[in-house]
Amino acid sequence: MEPGALPPHHLLGAFEHVNVCAPMVRYSKLPFRALVAQYNTHITTTPMILAAEFSRHPQARDAEFSTNQAERGTFRLPSQHTNRDVVFRGSLVCQLAASEAGPLADAAELVSPFVDGIDLNCGCPQPWAYAEHIGSYLLRQPETVRDMVRTVKDRLGHAYCVSVKIRIDADLRRTDTLVRNALHAGASLITIHGRTMHESSASDPVHLDAVKFAVDCANACGLQTARGTSPHDAWVWAEDGGSGGRAPCIVNGDIWTNDDAVEWRRYTGARGAMSARGLLVNPALFAGEPRTPPEAITRFVDHAMSWGLPTSFLHRHLAYMLEDRMPSRAESIYFNSLASPASILDWLSDAGYV
């Protein structure tokens, strides 16, 4: 029997311990998404894609998005509603960045047949993004976010999964306003990164109390409206079908182990846990592996060679995965100096990975 195909919000509503791969510029492309899906990552996300360019230019679409039938994993989890194990296919989400509703809806319409959900980036902290009125600029533009979510839902249909990824605000009242506007516009789920736009993942800790506040804000809305979910599908998956159910949330930030994911979900009340840097270092993180298994490196290289990945991206991915497996600093420096696919493959062959 074919595994069931669930959109992300139903997957989060039907199962506990849902794991998510974050959108990562340059990194969360097809070969890496397929790899993490083999290690208990149930939802994967494309890198952030600029909606205006994607909707206007075929070259941008070819460069920024690719998928295939093999990239989504197949999983078996106990349903919290039916008391039985359910086999299901993982979900793929396309993250888009936009400053206006029209280009966002145009891009979403083009990519929607090939993915299971659309995510609006409201968290990218890069100065260039803020200057373009995308990403974290939208954190204090709740009406704009409301209009964008509503426009995409109207274009794709109210049953289609449309999510919003945010950062917390230093003024949590603004976070509350943003979450409420997104959900009342029909957002199917909210992902919350536990840092402000001014904080760095490298130097600032994640604020789990603020994430919990945002989750509580979403719960207080008390709705997955007919705009946010499909009553028929919700009935199939034992959700309440838009009669007051809570929109699910995902916690993001500083998840380095599967134990972190379990604890972050428990503490914040989020339904899902999203990792970025943790998965780069260890793509098998959510499978409970303490570090990247050798076979994961082999699989990644196979995916990259079969489906295509720029050499620089391949090299950086492998450098992250091999970081704690290098026998010496000198060997690490040598590996980082490799510049061609042939030299990288030769090194991997000598090390026994391919």
Protein backbone atom coordinates (compact mmCIF):
# COMPACT_ATOMS: atom_id res chain seq x y z
CA MET A 1 0.00 0.00 0.00
CA GLU A 2 1.26 3.44 -0.86
CA PRO A 3 2.16 5.58 2.18
CA GLY A 4 -0.21 8.41 2.98
CA ALA A 5 0.78 11.88 1.84
CA LEU A 6 0.19 14.54 4.48
CA PRO A 7 0.69 18.28 4.20
CA PRO A 8 2.94 19.62 6.95
CA HIS A 9 0.19 21.01 9.19
CA HIS A 10 -1.69 17.69 9.23
CA LEU A 11 1.53 15.81 9.86
CA LEU A 12 2.23 18.03 12.86
CA GLY A 13 -1.34 17.66 14.07
CA ALA A 14 -1.45 13.88 13.76
CA PHE A 15 1.94 12.87 15.17
CA GLU A 16 4.24 13.75 18.02
CA HIS A 17 8.01 14.20 17.72
CA VAL A 18 7.97 15.68 14.22
CA ASN A 19 11.42 16.71 12.96
CA VAL A 20 12.09 19.44 10.42
CA CYS A 21 15.07 20.50 8.29
CA ALA A 22 15.39 24.29 8.23
CA PRO A 23 15.67 26.37 5.07
CA MET A 24 19.38 27.06 4.57
CA VAL A 25 20.80 29.30 1.87
CA ARG A 26 23.06 27.20 -0.40
CA TYR A 27 22.68 24.11 1.78
CA SER A 28 19.14 22.70 1.94
CA LYS A 29 19.10 21.69 -1.72
CA LEU A 30 17.81 18.41 -3.14
CA PRO A 31 20.76 16.07 -2.32
CA PHE A 32 20.93 17.22 1.31
CA ARG A 33 17.14 17.16 1.79
CA ALA A 34 17.05 13.60 0.47
CA LEU A 35 19.86 12.63 2.85
CA VAL A 36 18.27 13.97 6.05
CA ALA A 37 14.94 12.42 5.04
CA GLN A 38 16.67 9.03 5.35
CA TYR A 39 17.43 9.81 8.99
CA ASN A 40 14.08 10.61 10.59
CA THR A 41 13.60 14.15 9.25
CA HIS A 42 9.91 14.25 8.39
CA ILE A 43 9.63 17.73 6.84
CA THR A 44 12.32 19.33 4.67
CA THR A 45 12.52 22.89 3.37
CA THR A 46 14.14 24.47 0.34
CA PRO A 47 16.56 27.37 0.69
CA MET A 48 14.88 30.78 0.74
CA ILE A 49 13.83 31.69 -2.81
CA LEU A 50 13.15 35.27 -3.92
CA ALA A 51 9.55 35.17 -5.13
CA ALA A 52 9.74 38.04 -7.62
CA GLU A 53 12.69 36.59 -9.54
CA PHE A 54 11.31 33.05 -9.35
CA SER A 55 7.98 34.10 -10.82
CA ARG A 56 9.50 36.20 -13.61
CA HIS A 57 12.47 34.22 -14.89
CA PRO A 58 12.62 30.56 -16.02
CA GLN A 59 16.38 30.63 -15.40
CA ALA A 60 15.76 31.48 -11.73
CA ARG A 61 13.29 28.61 -11.42
CA ASP A 62 15.76 26.16 -12.94
CA ALA A 63 18.59 27.39 -10.72
CA GLU A 64 16.69 27.67 -7.43
CA PHE A 65 14.36 24.69 -7.33
CA SER A 66 14.59 20.99 -8.10
CA THR A 67 12.94 17.92 -6.67
CA ASN A 68 12.21 14.30 -7.52
CA GLN A 69 10.11 11.40 -6.33
CA ALA A 70 12.94 9.96 -4.25
CA GLU A 71 13.67 12.88 -1.95
CA ARG A 72 10.83 12.51 0.55
CA GLY A 73 11.30 9.82 3.15
CA THR A 74 8.78 7.19 4.24
CA PHE A 75 8.09 6.96 7.96
CA ARG A 76 6.09 4.96 10.47
CA LEU A 77 4.86 6.77 13.58
CA PRO A 78 2.11 6.12 16.11
CA SER A 79 -0.85 8.42 15.56
CA GLN A 80 -1.79 10.19 18.75
CA HIS A 81 -5.45 10.13 17.68
CA THR A 82 -6.02 6.62 16.30
CA ASN A 83 -3.71 4.57 18.57
CA ARG A 84 -2.12 2.80 15.63
CA ASP A 85 1.02 3.13 13.58
CA VAL A 86 0.60 5.04 10.35
CA VAL A 87 2.96 4.85 7.38
CA PHE A 88 3.29 8.20 5.65
CA ARG A 89 5.43 10.07 3.18
CA GLY A 90 7.45 13.06 4.36
CA SER A 91 6.64 16.61 3.33
CA LEU A 92 8.57 19.14 1.26
CA VAL A 93 8.09 22.88 1.85
CA CYS A 94 9.23 25.68 -0.43
CA GLN A 95 10.26 28.83 1.42
CA LEU A 96 9.67 32.10 -0.42
CA ALA A 97 10.69 35.65 0.41
CA ALA A 98 8.64 38.61 -0.80
CA SER A 99 7.69 42.16 0.08
CA GLU A 100 4.36 42.15 -1.73
CA ALA A 101 1.47 39.73 -1.99
CA GLY A 102 1.27 39.54 -5.79
CA PRO A 103 4.76 38.17 -6.58
CA LEU A 104 4.51 35.83 -3.60
CA ALA A 105 1.25 34.33 -4.86
CA ASP A 106 2.64 34.08 -8.42
CA ALA A 107 5.71 32.15 -7.25
CA ALA A 108 3.65 30.00 -4.91
CA GLU A 109 1.28 29.06 -7.74
CA LEU A 110 4.19 27.99 -9.95
CA VAL A 111 5.88 25.78 -7.37
CA SER A 112 2.86 24.49 -5.45
CA PRO A 113 2.23 21.39 -7.63
CA PHE A 114 5.68 20.08 -6.73
CA VAL A 115 5.72 20.70 -2.96
CA ASP A 116 3.46 20.10 0.03
CA GLY A 117 3.49 23.59 1.47
CA ILE A 118 4.61 27.20 1.03
CA ASP A 119 6.49 29.05 3.78
CA LEU A 120 6.82 32.83 4.00
CA ASN A 121 10.21 33.97 5.31
CA CYS A 122 9.75 36.61 8.00
CA GLY A 123 13.04 36.03 9.75
CA CYS A 124 16.09 36.43 7.50
CA PRO A 125 18.26 38.91 9.44
CA GLN A 126 20.67 39.80 6.64
CA PRO A 127 20.96 43.59 6.05
CA TRP A 128 20.36 43.21 2.32
CA ALA A 129 17.09 41.37 3.01
CA TYR A 130 15.91 44.06 5.41
CA ALA A 131 16.76 46.73 2.83
CA GLU A 132 14.62 44.87 0.27
CA HIS A 133 11.71 44.78 2.76
CA ILE A 134 11.77 41.00 2.99
CA GLY A 135 12.70 38.57 5.76
CA SER A 136 13.03 40.18 9.19
CA TYR A 137 11.69 43.48 7.87
CA LEU A 138 8.26 41.85 7.98
CA LEU A 139 8.45 41.12 11.71
CA ARG A 140 6.97 44.54 12.39
CA GLN A 141 4.62 44.57 9.40
CA PRO A 142 1.78 42.32 10.60
CA GLU A 143 -0.77 43.76 8.18
CA THR A 144 1.51 43.06 5.22
CA VAL A 145 2.05 39.48 6.43
CA ARG A 146 -1.70 39.09 6.87
CA ASP A 147 -2.34 40.27 3.32
CA MET A 148 0.35 38.01 1.85
CA VAL A 149 -0.91 34.90 3.64
CA ARG A 150 -4.49 35.66 2.64
CA THR A 151 -3.56 36.25 -1.00
CA VAL A 152 -1.64 32.97 -1.26
CA LYS A 153 -4.49 31.05 0.38
CA ASP A 154 -6.98 32.61 -2.00
CA ARG A 155 -4.77 31.69 -4.97
CA LEU A 156 -3.96 28.10 -3.95
CA GLY A 157 -7.11 27.17 -2.08
CA HIS A 158 -7.79 27.30 1.62
CA ALA A 159 -6.80 23.65 2.14
CA TYR A 160 -3.24 24.29 0.90
CA CYS A 161 -0.59 24.54 3.63
CA VAL A 162 0.81 28.06 3.97
CA SER A 163 3.16 28.66 6.90
CA VAL A 164 5.09 31.62 8.28
CA LYS A 165 8.59 31.47 9.77
CA ILE A 166 9.37 34.25 12.23
CA ARG A 167 11.92 35.37 14.78
CA ILE A 168 10.91 36.61 18.19
CA ASP A 169 10.78 40.35 18.80
CA ALA A 170 12.45 42.03 21.76
CA ASP A 171 9.00 43.47 22.39
CA LEU A 172 6.96 40.29 22.71
CA ARG A 173 3.73 42.23 22.22
CA ARG A 174 4.81 42.60 18.59
CA THR A 175 5.34 38.84 18.36
CA ASP A 176 1.81 38.31 19.66
CA THR A 177 0.39 40.73 17.08
CA LEU A 178 2.31 39.08 14.23
CA VAL A 179 1.27 35.55 15.18
CA ARG A 180 -2.37 36.51 15.55
CA ASN A 181 -2.45 38.35 12.22
CA ALA A 182 -0.86 35.41 10.40
CA LEU A 183 -3.22 32.85 11.91
CA HIS A 184 -6.36 34.91 11.42
CA ALA A 185 -5.35 35.34 7.76
CA GLY A 186 -5.28 31.54 7.43
CA ALA A 187 -1.69 30.50 8.16
CA SER A 188 -1.59 26.75 8.67
CA LEU A 189 1.35 26.74 11.08
CA ILE A 190 3.99 29.02 12.57
CA THR A 191 7.74 28.33 12.92
CA ILE A 192 9.48 30.35 15.63
CA HIS A 193 13.23 30.95 15.75
CA GLY A 194 14.12 31.87 19.30
CA ARG A 195 16.34 34.87 18.55
CA THR A 196 15.64 38.45 17.55
CA MET A 197 16.68 39.86 14.20
CA HIS A 198 19.65 41.52 15.90
CA GLU A 199 20.98 38.35 17.50
CA SER A 200 23.47 35.91 16.01
CA SER A 201 23.28 32.13 16.05
CA ALA A 202 27.03 32.09 16.62
CA SER A 203 27.06 34.22 19.77
CA ASP A 204 23.57 34.57 21.26
CA PRO A 205 21.60 31.82 23.00
CA VAL A 206 18.14 30.80 21.90
CA HIS A 207 15.33 32.19 24.06
CA LEU A 208 13.05 29.24 24.71
CA ASP A 209 10.82 31.24 27.05
CA ALA A 210 10.09 33.64 24.19
CA VAL A 211 9.36 30.72 21.85
CA LYS A 212 6.98 29.32 24.46
CA PHE A 213 5.29 32.73 24.61
CA ALA A 214 4.79 32.69 20.84
CA VAL A 215 3.40 29.14 20.96
CA ASP A 216 1.02 30.23 23.71
CA CYS A 217 -0.05 33.16 21.52
CA ALA A 218 -0.86 30.74 18.70
CA ASN A 219 -2.75 28.47 21.08
CA ALA A 220 -4.68 31.42 22.48
CA CYS A 221 -5.98 32.18 18.99
CA GLY A 222 -7.90 28.93 19.36
CA LEU A 223 -8.31 28.31 15.69
CA GLN A 224 -7.30 26.35 12.72
CA THR A 225 -10.00 27.98 10.66
CA ALA A 226 -11.41 26.68 7.43
CA ARG A 227 -8.83 28.96 5.84
CA GLY A 228 -6.04 27.17 7.68
CA THR A 229 -6.95 23.55 7.13
CA SER A 230 -9.25 21.32 5.18
CA PRO A 231 -12.16 19.92 7.20
CA HIS A 232 -12.27 16.69 5.19
CA ASP A 233 -8.55 15.99 5.54
CA ALA A 234 -8.67 16.99 9.18
CA TRP A 235 -11.38 14.40 9.78
CA VAL A 236 -9.28 11.70 8.09
CA TRP A 237 -6.33 12.51 10.31
CA ALA A 238 -8.47 12.95 13.43
CA GLU A 239 -7.95 16.68 13.77
CA ASP A 240 -10.91 18.81 14.69
CA GLY A 241 -11.42 20.21 11.22
CA GLY A 242 -11.50 23.91 11.88
CA SER A 243 -13.79 23.99 14.90
CA GLY A 244 -11.39 25.65 17.30
CA GLY A 245 -8.26 23.50 17.00
CA ARG A 246 -4.83 24.92 17.68
CA ALA A 247 -2.55 25.75 14.76
CA PRO A 248 0.68 23.78 15.23
CA CYS A 249 4.02 25.48 15.87
CA ILE A 250 7.64 24.48 15.23
CA VAL A 251 10.53 25.53 17.48
CA ASN A 252 13.84 26.47 15.84
CA GLY A 253 17.25 27.31 17.29
CA ASP A 254 20.26 25.50 18.80
CA ILE A 255 19.04 21.93 18.24
CA TRP A 256 22.24 19.88 18.09
CA THR A 257 20.99 16.47 19.27
CA ASN A 258 17.76 14.52 19.21
CA ASP A 259 17.56 15.00 22.97
CA ASP A 260 17.57 18.76 22.34
CA ALA A 261 14.65 18.34 19.94
CA VAL A 262 12.66 16.34 22.49
CA GLU A 263 13.34 18.85 25.27
CA TRP A 264 12.69 21.94 23.11
CA ARG A 265 9.29 20.54 22.07
CA ARG A 266 8.42 19.64 25.65
CA TYR A 267 9.43 23.00 27.10
CA THR A 268 7.82 25.23 24.49
CA GLY A 269 4.75 23.19 23.61
CA ALA A 270 5.70 23.22 19.91
CA ARG A 271 4.60 20.25 17.83
CA GLY A 272 7.76 20.12 15.72
CA ALA A 273 11.48 20.80 16.13
CA MET A 274 13.59 22.37 13.36
CA SER A 275 17.37 22.19 13.05
CA ALA A 276 19.78 23.96 10.70
CA ARG A 277 23.41 23.96 11.85
CA GLY A 278 22.93 20.77 13.82
CA LEU A 279 21.87 18.90 10.68
CA LEU A 280 24.74 20.34 8.67
CA VAL A 281 27.21 18.85 11.14
CA ASN A 282 25.23 15.64 11.64
CA PRO A 283 22.49 14.84 9.08
CA ALA A 284 21.50 11.82 11.22
CA LEU A 285 20.87 14.00 14.29
CA PHE A 286 17.15 13.18 14.48
CA ALA A 287 17.89 9.45 14.21
CA GLY A 288 19.79 9.73 17.50
CA GLU A 289 23.25 9.33 15.98
CA PRO A 290 25.93 11.20 17.97
CA ARG A 291 27.80 12.20 14.81
CA THR A 292 27.57 11.73 11.05
CA PRO A 293 27.61 7.99 10.23
CA PRO A 294 30.10 7.02 7.49
CA GLU A 295 27.28 5.63 5.35
CA ALA A 296 25.56 9.03 5.43
CA ILE A 297 28.62 10.56 3.78
CA THR A 298 28.52 7.85 1.11
CA ARG A 299 24.81 8.43 0.51
CA PHE A 300 25.25 12.18 0.26
CA VAL A 301 28.00 11.87 -2.33
CA ASP A 302 25.82 9.46 -4.34
CA HIS A 303 22.91 11.93 -4.26
CA ALA A 304 25.15 14.86 -5.21
CA MET A 305 26.75 13.01 -8.09
CA SER A 306 23.41 11.65 -9.38
CA TRP A 307 21.32 14.80 -9.09
CA GLY A 308 23.91 17.54 -9.35
CA LEU A 309 25.35 19.94 -6.81
CA PRO A 310 27.93 22.70 -7.33
CA THR A 311 31.39 21.61 -6.22
CA SER A 312 31.66 24.40 -3.66
CA PHE A 313 28.41 23.27 -1.98
CA LEU A 314 29.50 19.62 -2.02
CA HIS A 315 32.82 20.58 -0.47
CA ARG A 316 31.29 22.67 2.32
CA HIS A 317 28.72 20.01 3.19
CA LEU A 318 31.44 17.39 3.48
CA ALA A 319 33.63 19.70 5.55
CA TYR A 320 30.81 20.07 8.07
CA MET A 321 30.07 16.33 8.18
CA LEU A 322 33.73 15.33 8.49
CA GLU A 323 34.66 18.00 11.03
CA ASP A 324 35.04 15.64 13.98
CA ARG A 325 36.33 12.72 11.90
CA MET A 326 39.47 14.36 10.61
CA PRO A 327 42.57 12.58 11.96
CA SER A 328 44.55 15.80 12.31
CA ARG A 329 44.38 19.54 11.78
CA ALA A 330 46.82 19.19 8.90
CA GLU A 331 44.49 16.73 7.17
CA SER A 332 41.56 19.10 7.71
CA ILE A 333 43.51 21.97 6.17
CA TYR A 334 44.44 19.75 3.23
CA PHE A 335 40.82 18.68 2.67
CA ASN A 336 39.68 22.30 2.77
CA SER A 337 42.19 23.10 0.03
CA LEU A 338 40.67 20.62 -2.45
CA ALA A 339 39.06 22.42 -5.36
CA SER A 340 37.80 19.85 -7.87
CA PRO A 341 35.26 17.02 -7.73
CA ALA A 342 37.97 14.54 -8.72
CA SER A 343 40.28 15.55 -5.87
CA ILE A 344 37.43 15.43 -3.36
CA LEU A 345 36.36 11.98 -4.55
CA ASP A 346 39.93 10.74 -4.45
CA TRP A 347 40.27 11.88 -0.84
CA LEU A 348 36.96 10.22 0.10
CA SER A 349 38.02 7.00 -1.64
CA ASP A 350 41.34 6.91 0.20
CA ALA A 351 39.47 7.51 3.48
CA GLY A 352 37.06 4.66 2.76
CA TYR A 353 33.88 6.70 2.34
CA VAL A 354 33.27 5.94 -1.36
